[in-house]
């Protein structure tokens, strides 16, 4: 069959929206008709600097849609199921079988290359391969070929088109708080960088019952959004020393927990140094590799912990439904982060993301 996809042909160029051929499904793969898909920082990184041999590629890894076809052996899903797509994992290694799929031994080849692990791709254009397995989905397209364990069936009482970011960006921020840090009610937390991941962490801190929630950013506009969503304090780190101000807010103690959502060296240091002892900082920001960060080992020696977090330490099959249930209860209004664009306007949406005009851009598809 044919479908329409947005193809990156070369670094830092507009995506080409064009028809591609979709191969027959392999066992345990499903074909998903996309309804919505988010734009994530990781996608932007590839647009800016694809690896050698990584183009042409269809990006996109925050998809939501409806199962249209299933391959032989599929048992977890049926045609017509509404699904949210998350990161790919093998389901067979020691980490996957120990409920640590975010640390799947094959995480990099399954998610960050763009091809299947055997080097093949389900997409072709005029007979030429187009990488179509980015994060196991390549969902900047009207259809995506997905492994069945990469798709989470969801209820249909919440609009499906806005659910895609629950599979990555929103999951990352919220999971860093609810899964990794798991703060006690009444605890204090500082969150650095108020993009979609940081704001998702903020919403999760409210769910957890944190008493003091401090938002840190260099943009007054983003800090205003954080305050509107429930931050108790806002610090513009372009004009104010965030560590000193956090110490002041907490009566000289520092916060119990912090989250770094950008990965800059000075931000990671500040997120660690603003902690009381003991205290835990979760770092989820990513600036590519290598990304050297220098910290004072004394901060660790005296009881502070710095922990890296992948995909919010989430098991998507459990955590995506949990976030949806929290939204249903009115406790996790992630929809307030989202601005939608027609899929045909993907390059306009990308420009808006680059300018910082939107918090989380989601592309929507016409109903067939």
Protein backbone atom coordinates (compact mmCIF):
# COMPACT_ATOMS: atom_id res chain seq x y z
CA UNK A 1 0.00 0.00 0.00
CA UNK A 2 0.95 3.65 -0.24
CA UNK A 3 0.82 6.30 2.45
CA UNK A 4 1.91 9.91 2.84
CA UNK A 5 4.97 10.68 4.93
CA UNK A 6 7.19 13.63 5.83
CA UNK A 7 10.73 12.73 4.75
CA UNK A 8 13.97 14.33 5.90
CA UNK A 9 16.27 14.12 2.88
CA UNK A 10 19.16 16.26 4.13
CA UNK A 11 20.21 18.01 7.34
CA UNK A 12 18.46 21.28 8.16
CA UNK A 13 16.10 21.22 5.19
CA UNK A 14 12.33 21.32 4.99
CA UNK A 15 10.66 17.93 5.17
CA UNK A 16 9.24 16.58 1.93
CA UNK A 17 5.62 15.47 2.30
CA UNK A 18 5.15 12.79 -0.33
CA UNK A 19 3.84 9.27 -0.97
CA UNK A 20 5.84 6.21 0.05
CA UNK A 21 5.27 2.48 -0.32
CA UNK A 22 4.62 0.44 2.83
CA UNK A 23 5.84 -3.17 2.85
CA UNK A 24 3.78 -6.11 4.04
CA UNK A 25 3.71 -6.57 7.80
CA UNK A 26 6.06 -8.98 9.48
CA UNK A 27 4.89 -11.27 12.29
CA UNK A 28 4.10 -9.29 15.45
CA UNK A 29 3.87 -5.99 13.56
CA UNK A 30 0.75 -3.87 13.21
CA UNK A 31 -0.19 -1.06 10.82
CA UNK A 32 -1.48 2.03 12.62
CA UNK A 33 -3.41 4.81 10.91
CA UNK A 34 -2.15 7.93 12.61
CA UNK A 35 -4.54 10.36 14.27
CA UNK A 36 -2.00 12.58 16.03
CA UNK A 37 1.75 12.77 16.59
CA UNK A 38 3.93 15.09 18.63
CA UNK A 39 7.12 16.92 17.73
CA UNK A 40 9.91 16.09 20.19
CA UNK A 41 13.37 17.55 20.82
CA UNK A 42 14.94 14.24 19.77
CA UNK A 43 13.38 14.58 16.32
CA UNK A 44 14.80 18.10 16.02
CA UNK A 45 18.25 16.80 16.85
CA UNK A 46 18.20 14.46 13.85
CA UNK A 47 16.88 17.19 11.56
CA UNK A 48 19.85 19.34 12.61
CA UNK A 49 22.51 16.62 12.47
CA UNK A 50 21.53 13.21 11.10
CA UNK A 51 24.16 10.49 11.47
CA UNK A 52 25.94 9.28 8.33
CA UNK A 53 23.52 7.14 6.34
CA UNK A 54 20.51 8.27 8.42
CA UNK A 55 18.71 9.98 5.53
CA UNK A 56 16.26 9.75 3.94
CA UNK A 57 14.24 9.10 7.10
CA UNK A 58 10.72 9.53 8.43
CA UNK A 59 10.92 10.80 12.00
CA UNK A 60 8.21 11.15 14.64
CA UNK A 61 7.90 9.05 17.76
CA UNK A 62 4.93 10.37 19.76
CA UNK A 63 2.16 8.78 17.75
CA UNK A 64 -1.45 7.93 18.46
CA UNK A 65 -3.84 6.24 16.09
CA UNK A 66 -5.99 3.26 15.20
CA UNK A 67 -4.85 -0.25 14.31
CA UNK A 68 -5.78 -0.98 10.68
CA UNK A 69 -3.99 -4.28 10.04
CA UNK A 70 -2.24 -6.89 12.15
CA UNK A 71 0.54 -9.30 11.24
CA UNK A 72 0.59 -13.04 11.78
CA UNK A 73 1.01 -13.92 15.43
CA UNK A 74 -0.25 -10.63 16.86
CA UNK A 75 -2.17 -11.36 20.06
CA UNK A 76 -2.08 -8.12 22.03
CA UNK A 77 -4.06 -5.92 19.62
CA UNK A 78 -7.00 -6.11 17.24
CA UNK A 79 -8.05 -4.14 14.17
CA UNK A 80 -9.87 -1.01 15.32
CA UNK A 81 -8.01 -0.62 18.62
CA UNK A 82 -7.07 2.97 19.54
CA UNK A 83 -3.41 3.03 20.57
CA UNK A 84 -0.63 5.27 21.84
CA UNK A 85 2.84 4.49 20.53
CA UNK A 86 5.88 4.62 22.79
CA UNK A 87 9.54 3.61 22.60
CA UNK A 88 10.54 0.24 21.15
CA UNK A 89 11.97 -2.55 23.28
CA UNK A 90 12.80 -6.17 22.50
CA UNK A 91 10.73 -7.70 25.31
CA UNK A 92 13.20 -10.57 25.64
CA UNK A 93 16.46 -9.34 27.23
CA UNK A 94 17.17 -9.50 30.96
CA UNK A 95 16.15 -5.87 31.47
CA UNK A 96 12.89 -6.19 29.55
CA UNK A 97 11.90 -9.34 31.44
CA UNK A 98 12.78 -7.58 34.72
CA UNK A 99 10.29 -4.76 33.96
CA UNK A 100 13.04 -2.36 32.89
CA UNK A 101 12.18 -1.94 29.18
CA UNK A 102 13.59 1.60 29.18
CA UNK A 103 16.98 -0.06 29.65
CA UNK A 104 16.43 -2.67 26.94
CA UNK A 105 19.79 -4.05 25.78
CA UNK A 106 18.75 -3.20 22.22
CA UNK A 107 17.38 0.28 23.01
CA UNK A 108 19.77 2.17 20.72
CA UNK A 109 19.39 0.03 17.57
CA UNK A 110 15.64 -0.29 18.11
CA UNK A 111 15.01 3.42 18.65
CA UNK A 112 17.79 5.72 17.53
CA UNK A 113 18.85 4.40 14.12
CA UNK A 114 15.67 4.42 12.03
CA UNK A 115 15.87 0.89 10.64
CA UNK A 116 14.81 -2.45 12.06
CA UNK A 117 17.61 -4.25 13.90
CA UNK A 118 18.32 -6.35 10.79
CA UNK A 119 18.89 -3.15 8.79
CA UNK A 120 15.63 -3.34 6.84
CA UNK A 121 12.92 -0.68 6.67
CA UNK A 122 9.17 -0.95 5.99
CA UNK A 123 9.15 2.15 3.77
CA UNK A 124 10.36 2.74 0.21
CA UNK A 125 10.08 5.59 -2.29
CA UNK A 126 10.37 4.67 -5.97
CA UNK A 127 12.13 1.49 -4.92
CA UNK A 128 14.67 3.29 -2.72
CA UNK A 129 14.66 2.51 1.03
CA UNK A 130 13.45 5.24 3.38
CA UNK A 131 14.21 4.68 7.05
CA UNK A 132 10.84 4.03 8.67
CA UNK A 133 11.47 2.51 12.10
CA UNK A 134 12.52 5.56 14.13
CA UNK A 135 11.67 4.68 17.75
CA UNK A 136 9.97 1.67 16.23
CA UNK A 137 7.27 3.81 14.60
CA UNK A 138 8.34 6.72 12.30
CA UNK A 139 4.97 8.30 12.92
CA UNK A 140 5.33 11.52 10.91
CA UNK A 141 3.23 9.72 8.33
CA UNK A 142 -0.39 8.78 7.75
CA UNK A 143 0.47 5.17 8.60
CA UNK A 144 3.15 3.61 10.77
CA UNK A 145 4.43 0.04 10.99
CA UNK A 146 4.86 -0.79 14.67
CA UNK A 147 5.78 -3.83 16.76
CA UNK A 148 2.76 -4.90 18.78
CA UNK A 149 4.55 -4.41 22.11
CA UNK A 150 5.30 -0.81 21.09
CA UNK A 151 1.59 0.12 21.04
CA UNK A 152 -0.58 0.61 24.12
CA UNK A 153 -4.31 0.14 23.75
CA UNK A 154 -6.24 3.04 25.30
CA UNK A 155 -9.87 3.90 25.96
CA UNK A 156 -11.62 6.21 23.53
CA UNK A 157 -13.20 8.69 25.96
CA UNK A 158 -10.37 11.25 25.57
CA UNK A 159 -9.58 12.70 22.11
CA UNK A 160 -7.04 10.34 20.56
CA UNK A 161 -5.27 13.04 18.57
CA UNK A 162 -3.68 14.64 21.66
CA UNK A 163 -2.52 11.43 23.38
CA UNK A 164 0.66 10.78 21.36
CA UNK A 165 3.05 12.86 23.53
CA UNK A 166 2.14 10.65 26.48
CA UNK A 167 4.37 8.05 24.81
CA UNK A 168 7.57 10.10 25.11
CA UNK A 169 7.91 13.77 26.10
CA UNK A 170 5.12 14.00 28.65
CA UNK A 171 5.96 10.52 29.91
CA UNK A 172 9.59 11.56 30.38
CA UNK A 173 8.84 14.57 32.57
CA UNK A 174 5.99 13.08 34.54
CA UNK A 175 7.77 9.76 34.98
CA UNK A 176 10.94 11.40 36.29
CA UNK A 177 8.84 12.71 39.16
CA UNK A 178 6.30 9.95 39.77
CA UNK A 179 8.49 6.93 38.97
CA UNK A 180 12.10 7.95 39.63
CA UNK A 181 11.83 10.49 42.45
CA UNK A 182 8.44 9.44 43.90
CA UNK A 183 8.36 12.47 46.24
CA UNK A 184 6.50 12.33 49.52
CA UNK A 185 3.45 14.59 49.97
CA UNK A 186 4.59 17.90 51.42
CA UNK A 187 8.11 17.66 49.97
CA UNK A 188 9.90 20.38 48.01
CA UNK A 189 11.04 20.23 44.38
CA UNK A 190 12.77 22.47 41.83
CA UNK A 191 12.33 21.88 38.11
CA UNK A 192 14.81 23.39 35.64
CA UNK A 193 13.69 24.28 32.05
CA UNK A 194 10.00 24.81 31.47
CA UNK A 195 9.50 23.20 28.09
CA UNK A 196 6.96 20.43 27.62
CA UNK A 197 9.07 17.96 29.63
CA UNK A 198 9.58 20.37 32.52
CA UNK A 199 5.93 21.40 32.60
CA UNK A 200 4.93 17.73 32.58
CA UNK A 201 7.22 17.23 35.57
CA UNK A 202 5.52 20.19 37.23
CA UNK A 203 2.06 18.67 36.70
CA UNK A 204 3.34 15.40 38.15
CA UNK A 205 4.76 17.20 41.20
CA UNK A 206 1.28 18.56 41.86
CA UNK A 207 -0.14 15.04 41.55
CA UNK A 208 2.48 13.81 44.03
CA UNK A 209 1.44 16.46 46.55
CA UNK A 210 4.66 18.45 46.64
CA UNK A 211 4.21 21.51 48.84
CA UNK A 212 6.81 23.82 47.27
CA UNK A 213 7.25 23.59 43.49
CA UNK A 214 9.91 25.91 42.08
CA UNK A 215 10.10 26.53 38.32
CA UNK A 216 13.43 27.71 36.86
CA UNK A 217 13.92 29.01 33.30
CA UNK A 218 15.42 31.91 31.35
CA UNK A 219 12.07 32.86 29.75
CA UNK A 220 9.50 34.93 31.64
CA UNK A 221 6.80 33.65 29.29
CA UNK A 222 7.55 30.01 30.12
CA UNK A 223 7.73 30.88 33.81
CA UNK A 224 4.31 32.53 33.55
CA UNK A 225 2.96 29.32 32.06
CA UNK A 226 4.51 27.34 34.90
CA UNK A 227 2.89 29.64 37.46
CA UNK A 228 -0.48 29.31 35.71
CA UNK A 229 -0.14 25.52 35.92
CA UNK A 230 0.63 25.51 39.64
CA UNK A 231 4.27 26.39 40.37
CA UNK A 232 4.51 28.05 43.78
CA UNK A 233 7.65 30.00 42.85
CA UNK A 234 9.32 31.05 39.58
CA UNK A 235 12.99 31.96 39.09
CA UNK A 236 14.49 33.52 35.97
CA UNK A 237 18.01 32.12 36.06
CA UNK A 238 19.17 34.66 33.46
CA UNK A 239 18.90 37.39 36.11
CA UNK A 240 18.89 35.51 39.43
CA UNK A 241 21.21 32.90 40.93
CA UNK A 242 18.81 29.94 41.14
CA UNK A 243 20.72 28.09 43.86
CA UNK A 244 20.83 31.11 46.16
CA UNK A 245 17.17 31.90 45.52
CA UNK A 246 16.11 28.30 46.17
CA UNK A 247 18.05 28.36 49.43
CA UNK A 248 16.20 31.55 50.36
CA UNK A 249 12.80 30.08 49.50
CA UNK A 250 13.45 26.96 51.58
CA UNK A 251 14.83 28.73 54.63
CA UNK A 252 18.41 27.74 53.86
CA UNK A 253 17.68 24.03 53.54
CA UNK A 254 17.47 23.46 49.81
CA UNK A 255 14.87 21.29 48.11
CA UNK A 256 14.28 17.58 48.63
CA UNK A 257 14.18 16.88 44.90
CA UNK A 258 15.09 18.50 41.58
CA UNK A 259 14.69 17.73 37.88
CA UNK A 260 17.00 18.91 35.09
CA UNK A 261 15.13 18.97 31.80
CA UNK A 262 17.75 20.45 29.46
CA UNK A 263 21.15 18.87 30.11
CA UNK A 264 23.35 21.98 30.03
CA UNK A 265 26.33 21.60 32.34
CA UNK A 266 25.60 24.69 34.43
CA UNK A 267 21.95 23.66 34.80
CA UNK A 268 22.83 20.15 35.94
CA UNK A 269 25.22 21.61 38.52
CA UNK A 270 22.60 24.05 39.79
CA UNK A 271 19.98 21.29 39.99
CA UNK A 272 22.39 19.26 42.12
CA UNK A 273 23.65 22.11 44.29
CA UNK A 274 20.15 23.38 45.17
CA UNK A 275 19.39 20.12 47.00
CA UNK A 276 19.40 19.68 50.73
CA UNK A 277 21.14 16.60 52.12
CA UNK A 278 20.00 14.00 51.50
CA UNK A 279 18.36 14.98 48.23
CA UNK A 280 17.94 13.58 44.73
CA UNK A 281 18.32 15.21 41.32
CA UNK A 282 16.89 13.45 38.25
CA UNK A 283 18.47 14.55 34.98
CA UNK A 284 16.47 13.91 31.82
CA UNK A 285 17.81 16.65 29.53
CA UNK A 286 19.90 15.49 26.58
CA UNK A 287 22.36 17.55 24.57
CA UNK A 288 23.89 14.71 22.59
CA UNK A 289 27.03 12.73 23.26
CA UNK A 290 29.55 13.51 24.51
CA UNK A 291 28.13 16.05 26.97
CA UNK A 292 30.70 16.65 29.70
CA UNK A 293 29.32 17.88 33.02
CA UNK A 294 31.56 18.84 35.93
CA UNK A 295 30.20 18.56 39.48
CA UNK A 296 31.74 19.04 42.90
CA UNK A 297 32.10 15.49 44.21
CA UNK A 298 31.58 16.84 47.70
CA UNK A 299 27.92 17.45 46.88
CA UNK A 300 27.55 13.73 46.25
CA UNK A 301 29.74 12.67 49.16
CA UNK A 302 27.53 14.46 51.67
CA UNK A 303 24.32 12.79 50.58
CA UNK A 304 23.10 14.24 47.31
CA UNK A 305 22.24 11.86 44.47
CA UNK A 306 22.38 12.54 40.72
CA UNK A 307 20.46 9.98 38.68
CA UNK A 308 19.93 9.76 34.93
CA UNK A 309 16.44 8.97 33.66
CA UNK A 310 15.41 7.47 30.31
CA UNK A 311 11.77 7.76 29.17
CA UNK A 312 10.65 8.65 32.67
CA UNK A 313 11.63 5.20 33.98
CA UNK A 314 8.21 4.23 32.64
CA UNK A 315 6.72 0.96 31.55
CA UNK A 316 4.48 2.51 28.88
CA UNK A 317 1.78 -0.16 29.10
CA UNK A 318 1.18 0.82 32.71
CA UNK A 319 2.20 4.48 32.84
CA UNK A 320 0.33 5.77 29.77
CA UNK A 321 -3.01 4.50 31.15
CA UNK A 322 -2.11 6.00 34.54
CA UNK A 323 -1.57 9.44 33.00
CA UNK A 324 -4.83 9.15 31.09
CA UNK A 325 -6.68 8.23 34.29
CA UNK A 326 -5.15 11.19 36.11
CA UNK A 327 -6.29 13.43 33.24
CA UNK A 328 -9.75 11.90 33.42
CA UNK A 329 -9.85 12.83 37.12
CA UNK A 330 -8.86 16.42 36.30
CA UNK A 331 -5.49 16.07 38.05
CA UNK A 332 -3.13 16.00 35.04
CA UNK A 333 -4.21 18.62 32.46
CA UNK A 334 -1.49 17.86 29.91
CA UNK A 335 -3.80 19.06 27.14
CA UNK A 336 -3.02 22.62 28.25
CA UNK A 337 0.50 22.14 26.90
CA UNK A 338 -0.61 21.21 23.38
CA UNK A 339 -1.07 23.24 20.20
CA UNK A 340 -2.30 21.32 17.15
CA UNK A 341 -1.32 21.71 13.49
CA UNK A 342 -2.54 19.91 10.39
CA UNK A 343 -0.03 17.25 9.32
CA UNK A 344 0.23 18.95 5.91
CA UNK A 345 1.62 21.99 7.76
CA UNK A 346 4.44 20.07 9.46
CA UNK A 347 7.14 22.51 8.34
CA UNK A 348 5.12 25.42 9.74
CA UNK A 349 4.80 23.51 13.01
CA UNK A 350 8.54 22.86 13.10
CA UNK A 351 9.22 26.56 12.62
CA UNK A 352 6.87 27.37 15.52
CA UNK A 353 8.72 24.88 17.72
CA UNK A 354 12.11 26.33 16.80
CA UNK A 355 10.89 29.85 17.62
CA UNK A 356 9.47 28.71 20.95
CA UNK A 357 5.97 29.82 20.00
CA UNK A 358 4.40 26.61 21.31
CA UNK A 359 5.02 24.28 24.25
CA UNK A 360 4.14 20.96 22.61
CA UNK A 361 3.20 20.85 18.94
CA UNK A 362 0.98 17.98 17.83
CA UNK A 363 0.25 17.17 14.19
CA UNK A 364 -3.25 15.92 13.44
CA UNK A 365 -4.48 13.91 10.47
CA UNK A 366 -7.76 14.15 8.55
CA UNK A 367 -10.32 11.46 9.31
CA UNK A 368 -10.50 9.10 6.33
